[in-house]
C-alpha cells in the first residue's frame, strides 16, 4: 500500500473498527515462490486485548497456502468510492480521486485443533446469523463432520498498515460537498462511505494533528 503519512493511522481502535465493519478479507501467502490468495470471513479474537484474527479455510486451501511458520498478509477493504472534481469548491486541484479505507495485517497463522476450530466456526455463524429474522445457529451435533473439511486459523498480528483516505486534504466546504454528493441517488451513491467521512472528520482520523 502506497505510504502517505497524511492518511496513515497507527490507531489500533481504528484498525479494529475497519476489520469489524468489513470482515470479508483476502489472505495472501508465498508458498515456495508462488503467491496464493484466498477470500474468507475474519473475526477479531475476543478472548484477548491483543490484535488477533480468527478464521478458517476450506480444504485444500490449507495445502495451497502451506501454513508452515511463515508470515501471511490479510487485506481488509473498507468503504470506498469515486470522488468527482466537479464536487470541489473553486480553487481546488481539479483531479478526481478515490476515497477509501484499508488495513494490511501481517502475522503467522497458528493451526487450530478440531475443538478450537469448531468453536471459531460456531462464533462465525453466530456473528452473521444474529442479524437475520430467524437465526440458525451451528448445530453442535451436526457440525463436527462438516468442520473436518475446514482448517481453523488463529493469527496474532505482528504489524499492520492502515490508511484512511477521506478527502482530509480538501477544504471544509469541499469535504461537506463530497459527503452530500455521496448521499445523493445516482451512479456514485455511497452513503456508507459518507458515514466514514463523517466519522473521520469528527474523530480527526487522517487529519493533521492540532497544536
Protein backbone atom coordinates (compact mmCIF):
# COMPACT_ATOMS: atom_id res chain seq x y z
CA UNK A 1 0.00 0.00 0.00
CA UNK A 2 1.39 3.39 -1.00
CA UNK A 3 2.73 5.15 2.07
CA UNK A 4 1.12 8.53 2.71
CA UNK A 5 1.72 9.95 6.18
CA UNK A 6 -1.24 12.30 5.79
CA UNK A 7 -3.78 9.46 5.56
CA UNK A 8 -1.99 6.80 7.62
CA UNK A 9 -3.01 5.89 11.14
CA UNK A 10 -1.47 3.64 13.77
CA UNK A 11 -4.56 3.74 15.99
CA UNK A 12 -5.45 0.12 16.82
CA UNK A 13 -9.03 1.17 17.60
CA UNK A 14 -9.43 2.42 14.01
CA UNK A 15 -7.98 -0.84 12.68
CA UNK A 16 -10.35 -2.87 14.83
CA UNK A 17 -13.33 -0.86 13.61
CA UNK A 18 -12.45 -1.35 9.95
CA UNK A 19 -11.99 -5.10 10.47
CA UNK A 20 -15.24 -5.42 12.44
CA UNK A 21 -17.19 -3.48 9.81
CA UNK A 22 -15.62 -5.32 6.86
CA UNK A 23 -14.95 -8.94 7.89
CA UNK A 24 -14.65 -10.38 4.37
CA UNK A 25 -10.92 -10.25 3.62
CA UNK A 26 -8.18 -11.65 1.41
CA UNK A 27 -5.38 -13.78 2.84
CA UNK A 28 -2.17 -13.89 0.79
CA UNK A 29 0.80 -16.21 1.29
CA UNK A 30 4.02 -17.06 -0.50
CA UNK A 31 4.25 -20.82 -0.99
CA UNK A 32 7.63 -21.76 -2.43
CA UNK A 33 7.79 -18.60 -4.52
CA UNK A 34 4.18 -18.74 -5.71
CA UNK A 35 1.71 -16.15 -4.43
CA UNK A 36 -1.56 -17.68 -3.23
CA UNK A 37 -4.68 -15.66 -2.34
CA UNK A 38 -7.97 -16.79 -0.81
CA UNK A 39 -11.06 -14.97 0.46
CA UNK A 40 -12.64 -15.73 3.84
CA UNK A 41 -14.50 -14.02 6.71
CA UNK A 42 -12.39 -12.99 9.69
CA UNK A 43 -13.29 -12.10 13.26
CA UNK A 44 -11.31 -10.34 15.94
CA UNK A 45 -10.40 -12.76 18.75
CA UNK A 46 -12.50 -11.52 21.67
CA UNK A 47 -10.54 -13.58 24.22
CA UNK A 48 -7.55 -11.21 24.18
CA UNK A 49 -6.81 -7.49 24.19
CA UNK A 50 -4.12 -8.06 21.55
CA UNK A 51 -4.85 -7.70 17.85
CA UNK A 52 -5.56 -11.30 16.84
CA UNK A 53 -7.68 -12.66 13.98
CA UNK A 54 -9.52 -15.95 13.73
CA UNK A 55 -10.90 -17.63 10.63
CA UNK A 56 -10.93 -20.90 8.73
CA UNK A 57 -10.04 -22.07 5.27
CA UNK A 58 -11.65 -24.88 3.34
CA UNK A 59 -9.54 -27.83 2.38
CA UNK A 60 -7.43 -27.95 0.23
CA UNK A 61 -6.68 -24.23 0.62
CA UNK A 62 -4.51 -25.12 3.61
CA UNK A 63 -2.26 -27.14 1.29
CA UNK A 64 -2.22 -24.41 -1.35
CA UNK A 65 -1.05 -21.87 1.24
CA UNK A 66 1.12 -24.35 3.20
CA UNK A 67 0.74 -22.54 6.53
CA UNK A 68 4.11 -23.59 7.93
CA UNK A 69 5.55 -21.00 10.29
CA UNK A 70 5.58 -18.30 7.65
CA UNK A 71 4.03 -14.85 7.57
CA UNK A 72 0.84 -14.14 5.67
CA UNK A 73 -0.83 -10.90 4.62
CA UNK A 74 -4.52 -10.27 5.33
CA UNK A 75 -6.11 -7.37 3.44
CA UNK A 76 -9.29 -5.71 4.68
CA UNK A 77 -11.04 -3.26 2.34
CA UNK A 78 -13.33 -0.70 3.95
CA UNK A 79 -15.89 1.53 2.28
CA UNK A 80 -14.63 3.13 -0.93
CA UNK A 81 -15.87 5.15 -3.87
CA UNK A 82 -15.13 7.57 -6.68
CA UNK A 83 -14.92 11.30 -5.93
CA UNK A 84 -15.55 13.70 -8.84
CA UNK A 85 -13.65 17.01 -9.02
CA UNK A 86 -16.96 18.59 -10.05
CA UNK A 87 -17.85 18.39 -6.35
CA UNK A 88 -14.89 20.56 -5.27
CA UNK A 89 -15.01 24.22 -4.34
CA UNK A 90 -13.37 26.70 -6.76
CA UNK A 91 -9.62 26.85 -6.28
CA UNK A 92 -9.16 23.15 -5.56
CA UNK A 93 -6.96 20.98 -7.75
CA UNK A 94 -9.34 19.53 -10.33
CA UNK A 95 -8.14 15.95 -10.08
CA UNK A 96 -10.57 13.07 -9.50
CA UNK A 97 -9.73 10.64 -6.72
CA UNK A 98 -10.94 7.59 -4.83
CA UNK A 99 -11.77 7.71 -1.13
CA UNK A 100 -11.22 4.50 0.81
CA UNK A 101 -10.01 2.81 3.96
CA UNK A 102 -7.85 -0.31 4.03
CA UNK A 103 -5.85 -2.37 6.50
CA UNK A 104 -2.94 -4.70 5.71
CA UNK A 105 -2.24 -7.12 8.58
CA UNK A 106 0.86 -9.30 8.84
CA UNK A 107 1.10 -12.35 11.06
CA UNK A 108 1.97 -16.04 11.28
CA UNK A 109 -1.05 -18.39 11.42
CA UNK A 110 -1.49 -20.91 14.21
CA UNK A 111 -3.36 -24.07 13.15
CA UNK A 112 -6.29 -24.78 15.49
CA UNK A 113 -7.18 -28.24 16.73
CA UNK A 114 -10.60 -29.71 15.95
CA UNK A 115 -12.25 -28.39 19.12
CA UNK A 116 -10.92 -24.85 18.70
CA UNK A 117 -11.78 -24.86 15.01
CA UNK A 118 -15.38 -25.83 15.78
CA UNK A 119 -15.54 -23.03 18.35
CA UNK A 120 -14.38 -20.50 15.75
CA UNK A 121 -16.88 -21.78 13.18
CA UNK A 122 -19.63 -21.51 15.80
CA UNK A 123 -18.66 -17.89 16.51
CA UNK A 124 -18.52 -17.05 12.80
CA UNK A 125 -22.01 -18.43 12.18
CA UNK A 126 -23.40 -16.71 15.29
CA UNK A 127 -21.78 -13.39 14.30
CA UNK A 128 -23.63 -13.29 10.97
CA UNK A 129 -26.82 -15.18 11.84
CA UNK A 130 -27.65 -12.73 14.65
CA UNK A 131 -28.80 -10.22 12.04
CA UNK A 132 -31.43 -12.43 10.38
CA UNK A 133 -35.06 -12.75 11.50
CA UNK A 134 -34.90 -16.46 12.29
CA UNK A 135 -31.24 -17.25 13.05
CA UNK A 136 -29.96 -20.78 12.62
CA UNK A 137 -27.07 -21.38 14.99
CA UNK A 138 -24.44 -24.00 14.22
CA UNK A 139 -25.76 -27.33 15.48
CA UNK A 140 -23.04 -28.85 17.66
CA UNK A 141 -24.11 -32.42 16.86
CA UNK A 142 -24.34 -31.93 13.11
CA UNK A 143 -21.34 -29.62 12.66
CA UNK A 144 -18.23 -31.69 13.64
CA UNK A 145 -18.14 -33.85 10.48
CA UNK A 146 -18.61 -30.73 8.34
CA UNK A 147 -15.92 -28.90 10.30
CA UNK A 148 -13.40 -31.56 9.36
CA UNK A 149 -13.50 -30.12 5.85
CA UNK A 150 -12.04 -26.87 7.17
CA UNK A 151 -8.83 -25.76 8.89
CA UNK A 152 -9.14 -23.19 11.67
CA UNK A 153 -6.59 -20.40 11.99
CA UNK A 154 -5.63 -18.02 14.77
CA UNK A 155 -3.38 -15.21 13.52
CA UNK A 156 -1.69 -12.86 16.01
CA UNK A 157 -0.92 -9.65 14.13
CA UNK A 158 2.73 -8.63 14.36
CA UNK A 159 2.35 -5.39 12.41
CA UNK A 160 -0.19 -3.57 10.27
CA UNK A 161 -0.54 -0.70 7.83
CA UNK A 162 -3.75 1.30 7.89
CA UNK A 163 -4.82 4.03 5.50
CA UNK A 164 -7.96 6.14 5.79
CA UNK A 165 -8.28 8.48 2.81
CA UNK A 166 -11.42 10.59 3.22
CA UNK A 167 -10.70 13.92 1.45
CA UNK A 168 -8.80 15.19 4.50
CA UNK A 169 -6.59 17.29 2.21
CA UNK A 170 -9.58 19.30 0.99
CA UNK A 171 -11.14 22.45 2.43
CA UNK A 172 -14.11 22.04 4.82
CA UNK A 173 -16.70 23.13 2.24
CA UNK A 174 -15.42 20.63 -0.33
CA UNK A 175 -15.44 17.84 2.26
CA UNK A 176 -19.08 18.56 3.04
CA UNK A 177 -19.88 18.75 -0.67
CA UNK A 178 -18.38 15.29 -1.21
CA UNK A 179 -20.32 13.87 1.74
CA UNK A 180 -23.55 15.35 0.41
CA UNK A 181 -22.97 14.08 -3.15
CA UNK A 182 -22.17 10.58 -1.90
CA UNK A 183 -25.56 10.54 -0.18
CA UNK A 184 -27.44 11.56 -3.34
CA UNK A 185 -29.10 8.95 -5.60
CA UNK A 186 -27.11 8.14 -8.70
CA UNK A 187 -24.18 6.11 -10.02
CA UNK A 188 -21.84 7.26 -7.22
CA UNK A 189 -24.25 6.89 -4.33
CA UNK A 190 -22.15 5.64 -1.41
CA UNK A 191 -23.92 6.57 1.86
CA UNK A 192 -21.73 4.28 3.97
CA UNK A 193 -18.61 5.96 2.59
CA UNK A 194 -20.21 9.30 3.51
CA UNK A 195 -20.68 7.92 7.04
CA UNK A 196 -16.98 7.02 7.17
CA UNK A 197 -16.06 10.52 6.00
CA UNK A 198 -18.21 11.97 8.78
CA UNK A 199 -16.55 9.72 11.34
CA UNK A 200 -13.05 10.55 10.11
CA UNK A 201 -13.82 14.26 10.32
CA UNK A 202 -15.41 14.01 13.77
CA UNK A 203 -12.66 11.83 15.24
CA UNK A 204 -9.79 13.51 13.37
CA UNK A 205 -8.73 10.27 11.66
CA UNK A 206 -6.15 11.02 8.98
CA UNK A 207 -6.23 14.74 9.70
CA UNK A 208 -3.12 16.73 10.69
CA UNK A 209 -2.56 16.82 14.44
CA UNK A 210 -3.82 20.01 16.05
CA UNK A 211 -1.35 22.14 18.00
